[in-house]
Amino acid sequence: MSLVVQSEVQLGGVKMGKLSNIIPVSDLRQDAAKLLKQLQNDKEPLIITQRGRATAVMLGVDAYEELEHDKEILRLLTKGEREIDAGKGYDLDIILAEADAIINKEPL
């Protein structure tokens, strides 16, 4: 049986959303198939507790892949910011002008 909590949950210093599914590990053992199906249909993480403390987080594959994609975008944005700060960036107007020149170029 899962418990829906309507307050913010702190997990490892990261605040989770307002509605988090929290279940004890004993419920995971009893209803693993049902919980896996729930994870497949839901993007919300499932927080597993042991002795009343959060010990693990389960995510469906789609939600995990989305998080990994978002993390990669943030990593690239951070890298870009560092390059700009170091003077390694490119001027957007120059890039757009070069792109327009390539797009407008007559095919051979």
PDB file of N, CA and C in Angstrom:
ATOM      1  N   MET A   1       0.845  -1.180   0.000  1.00  0.00           N
ATOM      2  CA  MET A   1       0.000   0.000   0.000  1.00  0.00           C
ATOM      3  C   MET A   1       0.885   1.236   0.000  1.00  0.00           C
ATOM      4  N   SER A   2       0.687   2.125  -0.949  1.00  0.00           N
ATOM      5  CA  SER A   2       1.530   3.315  -0.993  1.00  0.00           C
ATOM      6  C   SER A   2       0.836   4.469  -0.279  1.00  0.00           C
ATOM      7  N   LEU A   3       1.639   5.354   0.214  1.00  0.00           N
ATOM      8  CA  LEU A   3       1.171   6.508   0.962  1.00  0.00           C
ATOM      9  C   LEU A   3       1.499   7.745   0.148  1.00  0.00           C
ATOM     10  N   VAL A   4       0.527   8.598  -0.075  1.00  0.00           N
ATOM     11  CA  VAL A   4       0.767   9.841  -0.791  1.00  0.00           C
ATOM     12  C   VAL A   4       0.900  10.951   0.235  1.00  0.00           C
ATOM     13  N   VAL A   5       2.025  11.634   0.199  1.00  0.00           N
ATOM     14  CA  VAL A   5       2.317  12.695   1.152  1.00  0.00           C
ATOM     15  C   VAL A   5       2.189  14.029   0.432  1.00  0.00           C
ATOM     16  N   GLN A   6       1.483  14.971   1.038  1.00  0.00           N
ATOM     17  CA  GLN A   6       1.270  16.260   0.395  1.00  0.00           C
ATOM     18  C   GLN A   6       2.120  17.360   1.011  1.00  0.00           C
ATOM     19  N   SER A   7       3.344  17.030   1.354  1.00  0.00           N
ATOM     20  CA  SER A   7       4.285  18.041   1.801  1.00  0.00           C
ATOM     21  C   SER A   7       5.600  17.770   1.104  1.00  0.00           C
ATOM     22  N   GLU A   8       6.492  18.739   1.143  1.00  0.00           N
ATOM     23  CA  GLU A   8       7.776  18.535   0.492  1.00  0.00           C
ATOM     24  C   GLU A   8       8.586  17.509   1.252  1.00  0.00           C
ATOM     25  N   VAL A   9       9.254  16.647   0.496  1.00  0.00           N
ATOM     26  CA  VAL A   9      10.092  15.607   1.069  1.00  0.00           C
ATOM     27  C   VAL A   9      11.536  15.954   0.756  1.00  0.00           C
ATOM     28  N   GLN A  10      12.389  15.906   1.750  1.00  0.00           N
ATOM     29  CA  GLN A  10      13.813  16.172   1.548  1.00  0.00           C
ATOM     30  C   GLN A  10      14.529  14.836   1.442  1.00  0.00           C
ATOM     31  N   LEU A  11      15.228  14.619   0.331  1.00  0.00           N
ATOM     32  CA  LEU A  11      15.929  13.365   0.107  1.00  0.00           C
ATOM     33  C   LEU A  11      17.353  13.692  -0.306  1.00  0.00           C
ATOM     34  N   GLY A  12      18.298  13.462   0.584  1.00  0.00           N
ATOM     35  CA  GLY A  12      19.692  13.730   0.275  1.00  0.00           C
ATOM     36  C   GLY A  12      19.967  15.180  -0.050  1.00  0.00           C
ATOM     37  N   GLY A  13      19.278  16.083   0.598  1.00  0.00           N
ATOM     38  CA  GLY A  13      19.483  17.500   0.361  1.00  0.00           C
ATOM     39  C   GLY A  13      18.693  18.050  -0.814  1.00  0.00           C
ATOM     40  N   VAL A  14      17.950  17.199  -1.516  1.00  0.00           N
ATOM     41  CA  VAL A  14      17.157  17.619  -2.672  1.00  0.00           C
ATOM     42  C   VAL A  14      15.691  17.560  -2.298  1.00  0.00           C
ATOM     43  N   LYS A  15      14.982  18.661  -2.512  1.00  0.00           N
ATOM     44  CA  LYS A  15      13.554  18.670  -2.221  1.00  0.00           C
ATOM     45  C   LYS A  15      12.808  18.010  -3.364  1.00  0.00           C
ATOM     46  N   MET A  16      12.007  17.027  -3.029  1.00  0.00           N
ATOM     47  CA  MET A  16      11.191  16.329  -4.013  1.00  0.00           C
ATOM     48  C   MET A  16       9.887  17.112  -4.165  1.00  0.00           C
ATOM     49  N   GLY A  17       9.067  16.724  -5.112  1.00  0.00           N
ATOM     50  CA  GLY A  17       7.811  17.408  -5.379  1.00  0.00           C
ATOM     51  C   GLY A  17       6.832  17.328  -4.225  1.00  0.00           C
ATOM     52  N   LYS A  18       5.753  18.030  -4.353  1.00  0.00           N
ATOM     53  CA  LYS A  18       4.750  18.083  -3.302  1.00  0.00           C
ATOM     54  C   LYS A  18       4.011  16.762  -3.128  1.00  0.00           C
ATOM     55  N   LEU A  19       3.834  15.993  -4.195  1.00  0.00           N
ATOM     56  CA  LEU A  19       3.149  14.707  -4.105  1.00  0.00           C
ATOM     57  C   LEU A  19       4.153  13.599  -4.384  1.00  0.00           C
ATOM     58  N   SER A  20       4.634  12.961  -3.370  1.00  0.00           N
ATOM     59  CA  SER A  20       5.589  11.879  -3.548  1.00  0.00           C
ATOM     60  C   SER A  20       5.000  10.597  -2.992  1.00  0.00           C
ATOM     61  N   ASN A  21       5.195   9.516  -3.719  1.00  0.00           N
ATOM     62  CA  ASN A  21       4.743   8.208  -3.261  1.00  0.00           C
ATOM     63  C   ASN A  21       5.818   7.620  -2.365  1.00  0.00           C
ATOM     64  N   ILE A  22       5.434   7.301  -1.156  1.00  0.00           N
ATOM     65  CA  ILE A  22       6.373   6.761  -0.181  1.00  0.00           C
ATOM     66  C   ILE A  22       5.826   5.425   0.300  1.00  0.00           C
ATOM     67  N   ILE A  23       6.659   4.382   0.216  1.00  0.00           N
ATOM     68  CA  ILE A  23       6.223   3.065   0.691  1.00  0.00           C
ATOM     69  C   ILE A  23       7.345   2.410   1.487  1.00  0.00           C
ATOM     70  N   PRO A  24       6.978   1.605   2.458  1.00  0.00           N
ATOM     71  CA  PRO A  24       8.010   0.842   3.176  1.00  0.00           C
ATOM     72  C   PRO A  24       8.506  -0.316   2.311  1.00  0.00           C
ATOM     73  N   VAL A  25       9.720  -0.748   2.563  1.00  0.00           N
ATOM     74  CA  VAL A  25      10.315  -1.833   1.787  1.00  0.00           C
ATOM     75  C   VAL A  25       9.482  -3.106   1.873  1.00  0.00           C
ATOM     76  N   SER A  26       8.784  -3.313   2.978  1.00  0.00           N
ATOM     77  CA  SER A  26       7.934  -4.512   3.102  1.00  0.00           C
ATOM     78  C   SER A  26       6.813  -4.499   2.063  1.00  0.00           C
ATOM     79  N   ASP A  27       6.239  -3.325   1.766  1.00  0.00           N
ATOM     80  CA  ASP A  27       5.212  -3.233   0.730  1.00  0.00           C
ATOM     81  C   ASP A  27       5.807  -3.495  -0.644  1.00  0.00           C
ATOM     82  N   LEU A  28       7.031  -3.071  -0.863  1.00  0.00           N
ATOM     83  CA  LEU A  28       7.700  -3.345  -2.129  1.00  0.00           C
ATOM     84  C   LEU A  28       7.846  -4.850  -2.325  1.00  0.00           C
ATOM     85  N   ARG A  29       8.228  -5.545  -1.275  1.00  0.00           N
ATOM     86  CA  ARG A  29       8.376  -7.003  -1.363  1.00  0.00           C
ATOM     87  C   ARG A  29       7.043  -7.674  -1.708  1.00  0.00           C
ATOM     88  N   GLN A  30       5.969  -7.206  -1.091  1.00  0.00           N
ATOM     89  CA  GLN A  30       4.660  -7.834  -1.278  1.00  0.00           C
ATOM     90  C   GLN A  30       4.018  -7.505  -2.618  1.00  0.00           C
ATOM     91  N   ASP A  31       4.177  -6.271  -3.085  1.00  0.00           N
ATOM     92  CA  ASP A  31       3.463  -5.804  -4.278  1.00  0.00           C
ATOM     93  C   ASP A  31       4.403  -5.324  -5.380  1.00  0.00           C
ATOM     94  N   ALA A  32       5.528  -5.998  -5.572  1.00  0.00           N
ATOM     95  CA  ALA A  32       6.534  -5.534  -6.534  1.00  0.00           C
ATOM     96  C   ALA A  32       5.955  -5.373  -7.936  1.00  0.00           C
ATOM     97  N   ALA A  33       5.220  -6.355  -8.428  1.00  0.00           N
ATOM     98  CA  ALA A  33       4.677  -6.282  -9.788  1.00  0.00           C
ATOM     99  C   ALA A  33       3.735  -5.094  -9.945  1.00  0.00           C
ATOM    100  N   LYS A  34       2.872  -4.889  -8.960  1.00  0.00           N
ATOM    101  CA  LYS A  34       1.915  -3.766  -9.002  1.00  0.00           C
ATOM    102  C   LYS A  34       2.662  -2.434  -8.977  1.00  0.00           C
ATOM    103  N   LEU A  35       3.677  -2.336  -8.136  1.00  0.00           N
ATOM    104  CA  LEU A  35       4.432  -1.092  -8.032  1.00  0.00           C
ATOM    105  C   LEU A  35       5.230  -0.820  -9.300  1.00  0.00           C
ATOM    106  N   LEU A  36       5.767  -1.856  -9.931  1.00  0.00           N
ATOM    107  CA  LEU A  36       6.482  -1.675 -11.191  1.00  0.00           C
ATOM    108  C   LEU A  36       5.543  -1.185 -12.280  1.00  0.00           C
ATOM    109  N   LYS A  37       4.334  -1.713 -12.302  1.00  0.00           N
ATOM    110  CA  LYS A  37       3.339  -1.249 -13.275  1.00  0.00           C
ATOM    111  C   LYS A  37       2.995   0.225 -13.018  1.00  0.00           C
ATOM    112  N   GLN A  38       2.874   0.583 -11.744  1.00  0.00           N
ATOM    113  CA  GLN A  38       2.593   1.974 -11.367  1.00  0.00           C
ATOM    114  C   GLN A  38       3.720   2.891 -11.857  1.00  0.00           C
ATOM    115  N   LEU A  39       4.961   2.448 -11.704  1.00  0.00           N
ATOM    116  CA  LEU A  39       6.096   3.242 -12.151  1.00  0.00           C
ATOM    117  C   LEU A  39       6.103   3.402 -13.670  1.00  0.00           C
ATOM    118  N   GLN A  40       5.644   2.374 -14.378  1.00  0.00           N
ATOM    119  CA  GLN A  40       5.570   2.436 -15.834  1.00  0.00           C
ATOM    120  C   GLN A  40       4.592   3.503 -16.291  1.00  0.00           C
ATOM    121  N   ASN A  41       3.496   3.645 -15.568  1.00  0.00           N
ATOM    122  CA  ASN A  41       2.429   4.563 -15.970  1.00  0.00           C
ATOM    123  C   ASN A  41       2.573   5.959 -15.388  1.00  0.00           C
ATOM    124  N   ASP A  42       3.467   6.132 -14.442  1.00  0.00           N
ATOM    125  CA  ASP A  42       3.564   7.370 -13.682  1.00  0.00           C
ATOM    126  C   ASP A  42       4.985   7.911 -13.757  1.00  0.00           C
ATOM    127  N   LYS A  43       5.131   9.199 -13.875  1.00  0.00           N
ATOM    128  CA  LYS A  43       6.464   9.796 -13.911  1.00  0.00           C
ATOM    129  C   LYS A  43       6.984  10.131 -12.520  1.00  0.00           C
ATOM    130  N   GLU A  44       6.172   9.951 -11.523  1.00  0.00           N
ATOM    131  CA  GLU A  44       6.565  10.293 -10.156  1.00  0.00           C
ATOM    132  C   GLU A  44       7.498   9.225  -9.576  1.00  0.00           C
ATOM    133  N   PRO A  45       8.488   9.642  -8.816  1.00  0.00           N
ATOM    134  CA  PRO A  45       9.361   8.659  -8.171  1.00  0.00           C
ATOM    135  C   PRO A  45       8.648   7.949  -7.033  1.00  0.00           C
ATOM    136  N   LEU A  46       9.096   6.773  -6.741  1.00  0.00           N
ATOM    137  CA  LEU A  46       8.589   5.991  -5.628  1.00  0.00           C
ATOM    138  C   LEU A  46       9.700   5.942  -4.585  1.00  0.00           C
ATOM    139  N   ILE A  47       9.450   6.493  -3.427  1.00  0.00           N
ATOM    140  CA  ILE A  47      10.451   6.543  -2.368  1.00  0.00           C
ATOM    141  C   ILE A  47      10.246   5.344  -1.461  1.00  0.00           C
ATOM    142  N   ILE A  48      11.299   4.556  -1.306  1.00  0.00           N
ATOM    143  CA  ILE A  48      11.253   3.349  -0.483  1.00  0.00           C
ATOM    144  C   ILE A  48      11.868   3.680   0.873  1.00  0.00           C
ATOM    145  N   THR A  49      11.146   3.323   1.934  1.00  0.00           N
ATOM    146  CA  THR A  49      11.664   3.574   3.276  1.00  0.00           C
ATOM    147  C   THR A  49      12.020   2.254   3.948  1.00  0.00           C
ATOM    148  N   GLN A  50      12.944   2.360   4.857  1.00  0.00           N
ATOM    149  CA  GLN A  50      13.324   1.220   5.688  1.00  0.00           C
ATOM    150  C   GLN A  50      13.480   1.764   7.103  1.00  0.00           C
ATOM    151  N   ARG A  51      12.732   1.167   8.023  1.00  0.00           N
ATOM    152  CA  ARG A  51      12.696   1.644   9.409  1.00  0.00           C
ATOM    153  C   ARG A  51      12.333   3.131   9.486  1.00  0.00           C
ATOM    154  N   GLY A  52      11.415   3.543   8.624  1.00  0.00           N
ATOM    155  CA  GLY A  52      10.899   4.906   8.666  1.00  0.00           C
ATOM    156  C   GLY A  52      11.763   5.953   7.996  1.00  0.00           C
ATOM    157  N   ARG A  53      12.868   5.553   7.389  1.00  0.00           N
ATOM    158  CA  ARG A  53      13.749   6.519   6.725  1.00  0.00           C
ATOM    159  C   ARG A  53      13.847   6.215   5.241  1.00  0.00           C
ATOM    160  N   ALA A  54      13.894   7.255   4.436  1.00  0.00           N
ATOM    161  CA  ALA A  54      14.039   7.072   2.992  1.00  0.00           C
ATOM    162  C   ALA A  54      15.395   6.433   2.707  1.00  0.00           C
ATOM    163  N   THR A  55      15.382   5.323   1.958  1.00  0.00           N
ATOM    164  CA  THR A  55      16.629   4.630   1.645  1.00  0.00           C
ATOM    165  C   THR A  55      16.861   4.464   0.150  1.00  0.00           C
ATOM    166  N   ALA A  56      15.813   4.568  -0.651  1.00  0.00           N
ATOM    167  CA  ALA A  56      15.977   4.388  -2.094  1.00  0.00           C
ATOM    168  C   ALA A  56      14.859   5.102  -2.842  1.00  0.00           C
ATOM    169  N   VAL A  57      15.118   5.359  -4.113  1.00  0.00           N
ATOM    170  CA  VAL A  57      14.124   5.962  -4.995  1.00  0.00           C
ATOM    171  C   VAL A  57      14.034   5.098  -6.241  1.00  0.00           C
ATOM    172  N   MET A  58      12.823   4.777  -6.624  1.00  0.00           N
ATOM    173  CA  MET A  58      12.596   4.015  -7.854  1.00  0.00           C
ATOM    174  C   MET A  58      11.893   4.910  -8.865  1.00  0.00           C
ATOM    175  N   LEU A  59      12.311   4.781 -10.119  1.00  0.00           N
ATOM    176  CA  LEU A  59      11.703   5.527 -11.217  1.00  0.00           C
ATOM    177  C   LEU A  59      11.393   4.578 -12.354  1.00  0.00           C
ATOM    178  N   GLY A  60      10.356   4.885 -13.102  1.00  0.00           N
ATOM    179  CA  GLY A  60      10.105   4.160 -14.329  1.00  0.00           C
ATOM    180  C   GLY A  60      11.172   4.518 -15.355  1.00  0.00           C
ATOM    181  N   VAL A  61      11.352   3.672 -16.342  1.00  0.00           N
ATOM    182  CA  VAL A  61      12.394   3.886 -17.345  1.00  0.00           C
ATOM    183  C   VAL A  61      12.189   5.201 -18.092  1.00  0.00           C
ATOM    184  N   ASP A  62      10.960   5.495 -18.496  1.00  0.00           N
ATOM    185  CA  ASP A  62      10.701   6.743 -19.227  1.00  0.00           C
ATOM    186  C   ASP A  62      11.068   7.967 -18.396  1.00  0.00           C
ATOM    187  N   ALA A  63      10.692   7.960 -17.127  1.00  0.00           N
ATOM    188  CA  ALA A  63      11.013   9.083 -16.247  1.00  0.00           C
ATOM    189  C   ALA A  63      12.524   9.202 -16.059  1.00  0.00           C
ATOM    190  N   TYR A  64      13.191   8.064 -15.915  1.00  0.00           N
ATOM    191  CA  TYR A  64      14.643   8.067 -15.757  1.00  0.00           C
ATOM    192  C   TYR A  64      15.324   8.633 -17.000  1.00  0.00           C
ATOM    193  N   GLU A  65      14.897   8.179 -18.180  1.00  0.00           N
ATOM    194  CA  GLU A  65      15.494   8.671 -19.421  1.00  0.00           C
ATOM    195  C   GLU A  65      15.252  10.168 -19.597  1.00  0.00           C
ATOM    196  N   GLU A  66      14.085  10.634 -19.209  1.00  0.00           N
ATOM    197  CA  GLU A  66      13.794  12.067 -19.287  1.00  0.00           C
ATOM    198  C   GLU A  66      14.705  12.859 -18.353  1.00  0.00           C
ATOM    199  N   LEU A  67      14.901  12.353 -17.141  1.00  0.00           N
ATOM    200  CA  LEU A  67      15.803  13.022 -16.202  1.00  0.00           C
ATOM    201  C   LEU A  67      17.231  13.043 -16.724  1.00  0.00           C
ATOM    202  N   GLU A  68      17.685  11.930 -17.302  1.00  0.00           N
ATOM    203  CA  GLU A  68      19.034  11.873 -17.862  1.00  0.00           C
ATOM    204  C   GLU A  68      19.183  12.853 -19.026  1.00  0.00           C
ATOM    205  N   HIS A  69      18.156  12.954 -19.862  1.00  0.00           N
ATOM    206  CA  HIS A  69      18.174  13.904 -20.982  1.00  0.00           C
ATOM    207  C   HIS A  69      18.271  15.337 -20.459  1.00  0.00           C
ATOM    208  N   ASP A  70      17.431  15.658 -19.471  1.00  0.00           N
ATOM    209  CA  ASP A  70      17.456  17.003 -18.882  1.00  0.00           C
ATOM    210  C   ASP A  70      18.808  17.299 -18.247  1.00  0.00           C
ATOM    211  N   LYS A  71      19.386  16.300 -17.586  1.00  0.00           N
ATOM    212  CA  LYS A  71      20.697  16.478 -16.953  1.00  0.00           C
ATOM    213  C   LYS A  71      21.772  16.762 -18.006  1.00  0.00           C
ATOM    214  N   GLU A  72      21.702  16.079 -19.140  1.00  0.00           N
ATOM    215  CA  GLU A  72      22.672  16.307 -20.214  1.00  0.00           C
ATOM    216  C   GLU A  72      22.533  17.711 -20.792  1.00  0.00           C
ATOM    217  N   ILE A  73      21.302  18.175 -20.969  1.00  0.00           N
ATOM    218  CA  ILE A  73      21.081  19.541 -21.463  1.00  0.00           C
ATOM    219  C   ILE A  73      21.673  20.552 -20.486  1.00  0.00           C
ATOM    220  N   LEU A  74      21.422  20.355 -19.199  1.00  0.00           N
ATOM    221  CA  LEU A  74      21.979  21.271 -18.196  1.00  0.00           C
ATOM    222  C   LEU A  74      23.506  21.237 -18.191  1.00  0.00           C
ATOM    223  N   ARG A  75      24.080  20.041 -18.379  1.00  0.00           N
ATOM    224  CA  ARG A  75      25.533  19.921 -18.432  1.00  0.00           C
ATOM    225  C   ARG A  75      26.093  20.705 -19.621  1.00  0.00           C
ATOM    226  N   LEU A  76      25.438  20.585 -20.776  1.00  0.00           N
ATOM    227  CA  LEU A  76      25.894  21.307 -21.959  1.00  0.00           C
ATOM    228  C   LEU A  76      25.733  22.816 -21.806  1.00  0.00           C
ATOM    229  N   LEU A  77      24.639  23.235 -21.190  1.00  0.00           N
ATOM    230  CA  LEU A  77      24.448  24.669 -20.944  1.00  0.00           C
ATOM    231  C   LEU A  77      25.515  25.215 -20.007  1.00  0.00           C
ATOM    232  N   THR A  78      25.833  24.454 -18.969  1.00  0.00           N
ATOM    233  CA  THR A  78      26.874  24.869 -18.033  1.00  0.00           C
ATOM    234  C   THR A  78      28.220  24.956 -18.737  1.00  0.00           C
ATOM    235  N   LYS A  79      28.518  23.966 -19.575  1.00  0.00           N
ATOM    236  CA  LYS A  79      29.766  23.971 -20.335  1.00  0.00           C
ATOM    237  C   LYS A  79      29.819  25.202 -21.240  1.00  0.00           C
ATOM    238  N   GLY A  80      28.711  25.501 -21.898  1.00  0.00           N
ATOM    239  CA  GLY A  80      28.649  26.672 -22.763  1.00  0.00           C
ATOM    240  C   GLY A  80      28.873  27.967 -21.995  1.00  0.00           C
ATOM    241  N   GLU A  81      28.266  28.062 -20.822  1.00  0.00           N
ATOM    242  CA  GLU A  81      28.466  29.256 -19.983  1.00  0.00           C
ATOM    243  C   GLU A  81      29.937  29.423 -19.609  1.00  0.00           C
ATOM    244  N   ARG A  82      30.597  28.308 -19.244  1.00  0.00           N
ATOM    245  CA  ARG A  82      32.018  28.371 -18.895  1.00  0.00           C
ATOM    246  C   ARG A  82      32.856  28.799 -20.096  1.00  0.00           C
ATOM    247  N   GLU A  83      32.519  28.277 -21.284  1.00  0.00           N
ATOM    248  CA  GLU A  83      33.264  28.660 -22.483  1.00  0.00           C
ATOM    249  C   GLU A  83      33.081  30.136 -22.794  1.00  0.00           C
ATOM    250  N   ILE A  84      31.864  30.635 -22.629  1.00  0.00           N
ATOM    251  CA  ILE A  84      31.609  32.059 -22.873  1.00  0.00           C
ATOM    252  C   ILE A  84      32.402  32.909 -21.882  1.00  0.00           C
ATOM    253  N   ASP A  85      32.380  32.521 -20.603  1.00  0.00           N
ATOM    254  CA  ASP A  85      33.126  33.257 -19.577  1.00  0.00           C
ATOM    255  C   ASP A  85      34.621  33.270 -19.864  1.00  0.00           C
ATOM    256  N   ALA A  86      35.114  32.178 -20.491  1.00  0.00           N
ATOM    257  CA  ALA A  86      36.542  32.084 -20.810  1.00  0.00           C
ATOM    258  C   ALA A  86      36.873  32.719 -22.164  1.00  0.00           C
ATOM    259  N   GLY A  87      35.876  33.320 -22.817  1.00  0.00           N
ATOM    260  CA  GLY A  87      36.108  33.965 -24.101  1.00  0.00           C
ATOM    261  C   GLY A  87      36.204  32.992 -25.265  1.00  0.00           C
ATOM    262  N   LYS A  88      35.720  31.771 -25.082  1.00  0.00           N
ATOM    263  CA  LYS A  88      35.796  30.758 -26.136  1.00  0.00           C
ATOM    264  C   LYS A  88      34.506  30.657 -26.938  1.00  0.00           C
ATOM    265  N   GLY A  89      33.525  31.448 -26.590  1.00  0.00           N
ATOM    266  CA  GLY A  89      32.242  31.360 -27.271  1.00  0.00           C
ATOM    267  C   GLY A  89      32.265  32.013 -28.641  1.00  0.00           C
ATOM    268  N   TYR A  90      31.201  31.826 -29.383  1.00  0.00           N
ATOM    269  CA  TYR A  90      31.054  32.413 -30.712  1.00  0.00           C
ATOM    270  C   TYR A  90      29.903  33.403 -30.691  1.00  0.00           C
ATOM    271  N   ASP A  91      30.044  34.475 -31.443  1.00  0.00           N
ATOM    272  CA  ASP A  91      29.016  35.500 -31.516  1.00  0.00           C
ATOM    273  C   ASP A  91      27.805  34.938 -32.274  1.00  0.00           C
ATOM    274  N   LEU A  92      26.628  35.061 -31.694  1.00  0.00           N
ATOM    275  CA  LEU A  92      25.414  34.506 -32.287  1.00  0.00           C
ATOM    276  C   LEU A  92      25.128  35.112 -33.653  1.00  0.00           C
ATOM    277  N   ASP A  93      25.351  36.415 -33.815  1.00  0.00           N
ATOM    278  CA  ASP A  93      25.076  37.054 -35.105  1.00  0.00           C
ATOM    279  C   ASP A  93      25.952  36.468 -36.211  1.00  0.00           C
ATOM    280  N   ILE A  94      27.209  36.177 -35.898  1.00  0.00           N
ATOM    281  CA  ILE A  94      28.113  35.589 -36.890  1.00  0.00           C
ATOM    282  C   ILE A  94      27.649  34.182 -37.249  1.00  0.00           C
ATOM    283  N   ILE A  95      27.285  33.392 -36.241  1.00  0.00           N
ATOM    284  CA  ILE A  95      26.814  32.021 -36.485  1.00  0.00           C
ATOM    285  C   ILE A  95      25.555  32.037 -37.346  1.00  0.00           C
ATOM    286  N   LEU A  96      24.602  32.911 -37.019  1.00  0.00           N
ATOM    287  CA  LEU A  96      23.360  32.985 -37.793  1.00  0.00           C
ATOM    288  C   LEU A  96      23.620  33.447 -39.221  1.00  0.00           C
ATOM    289  N   ALA A  97      24.549  34.397 -39.412  1.00  0.00           N
ATOM    290  CA  ALA A  97      24.882  34.863 -40.757  1.00  0.00           C
ATOM    291  C   ALA A  97      25.516  33.732 -41.569  1.00  0.00           C
ATOM    292  N   GLU A  98      26.402  32.960 -40.937  1.00  0.00           N
ATOM    293  CA  GLU A  98      27.018  31.827 -41.634  1.00  0.00           C
ATOM    294  C   GLU A  98      25.967  30.765 -41.980  1.00  0.00           C
ATOM    295  N   ALA A  99      25.043  30.514 -41.064  1.00  0.00           N
ATOM    296  CA  ALA A  99      23.978  29.543 -41.328  1.00  0.00           C
ATOM    297  C   ALA A  99      23.098  30.015 -42.481  1.00  0.00           C
ATOM    298  N   ASP A 100      22.752  31.299 -42.491  1.00  0.00           N
ATOM    299  CA  ASP A 100      21.939  31.850 -43.592  1.00  0.00           C
ATOM    300  C   ASP A 100      22.668  31.717 -44.917  1.00  0.00           C
ATOM    301  N   ALA A 101      23.971  31.980 -44.921  1.00  0.00           N
ATOM    302  CA  ALA A 101      24.750  31.870 -46.151  1.00  0.00           C
ATOM    303  C   ALA A 101      24.732  30.434 -46.666  1.00  0.00           C
ATOM    304  N   ILE A 102      24.843  29.466 -45.778  1.00  0.00           N
ATOM    305  CA  ILE A 102      24.823  28.056 -46.180  1.00  0.00           C
ATOM    306  C   ILE A 102      23.438  27.671 -46.687  1.00  0.00           C
ATOM    307  N   ILE A 103      22.397  28.111 -45.993  1.00  0.00           N
ATOM    308  CA  ILE A 103      21.015  27.773 -46.376  1.00  0.00           C
ATOM    309  C   ILE A 103      20.663  28.400 -47.724  1.00  0.00           C
ATOM    310  N   ASN A 104      21.088  29.641 -47.932  1.00  0.00           N
ATOM    311  CA  ASN A 104      20.726  30.364 -49.166  1.00  0.00           C
ATOM    312  C   ASN A 104      21.622  30.018 -50.337  1.00  0.00           C
ATOM    313  N   LYS A 105      22.679  29.282 -50.125  1.00  0.00           N
ATOM    314  CA  LYS A 105      23.592  28.910 -51.183  1.00  0.00           C
ATOM    315  C   LYS A 105      22.886  28.009 -52.197  1.00  0.00           C
ATOM    316  N   GLU A 106      23.092  28.292 -53.457  1.00  0.00           N
ATOM    317  CA  GLU A 106      22.476  27.506 -54.539  1.00  0.00           C
ATOM    318  C   GLU A 106      23.091  26.101 -54.554  1.00  0.00           C
ATOM    319  N   PRO A 107      22.245  25.061 -54.685  1.00  0.00           N
ATOM    320  CA  PRO A 107      22.800  23.703 -54.803  1.00  0.00           C
ATOM    321  C   PRO A 107      23.596  23.541 -56.091  1.00  0.00           C
ATOM    322  N   LEU A 108      24.613  22.707 -56.041  1.00  0.00           N
ATOM    323  CA  LEU A 108      25.453  22.495 -57.224  1.00  0.00           C
ATOM    324  C   LEU A 108      24.787  21.658 -58.264  1.00  0.00           C
TER     325      LEU A 108
END
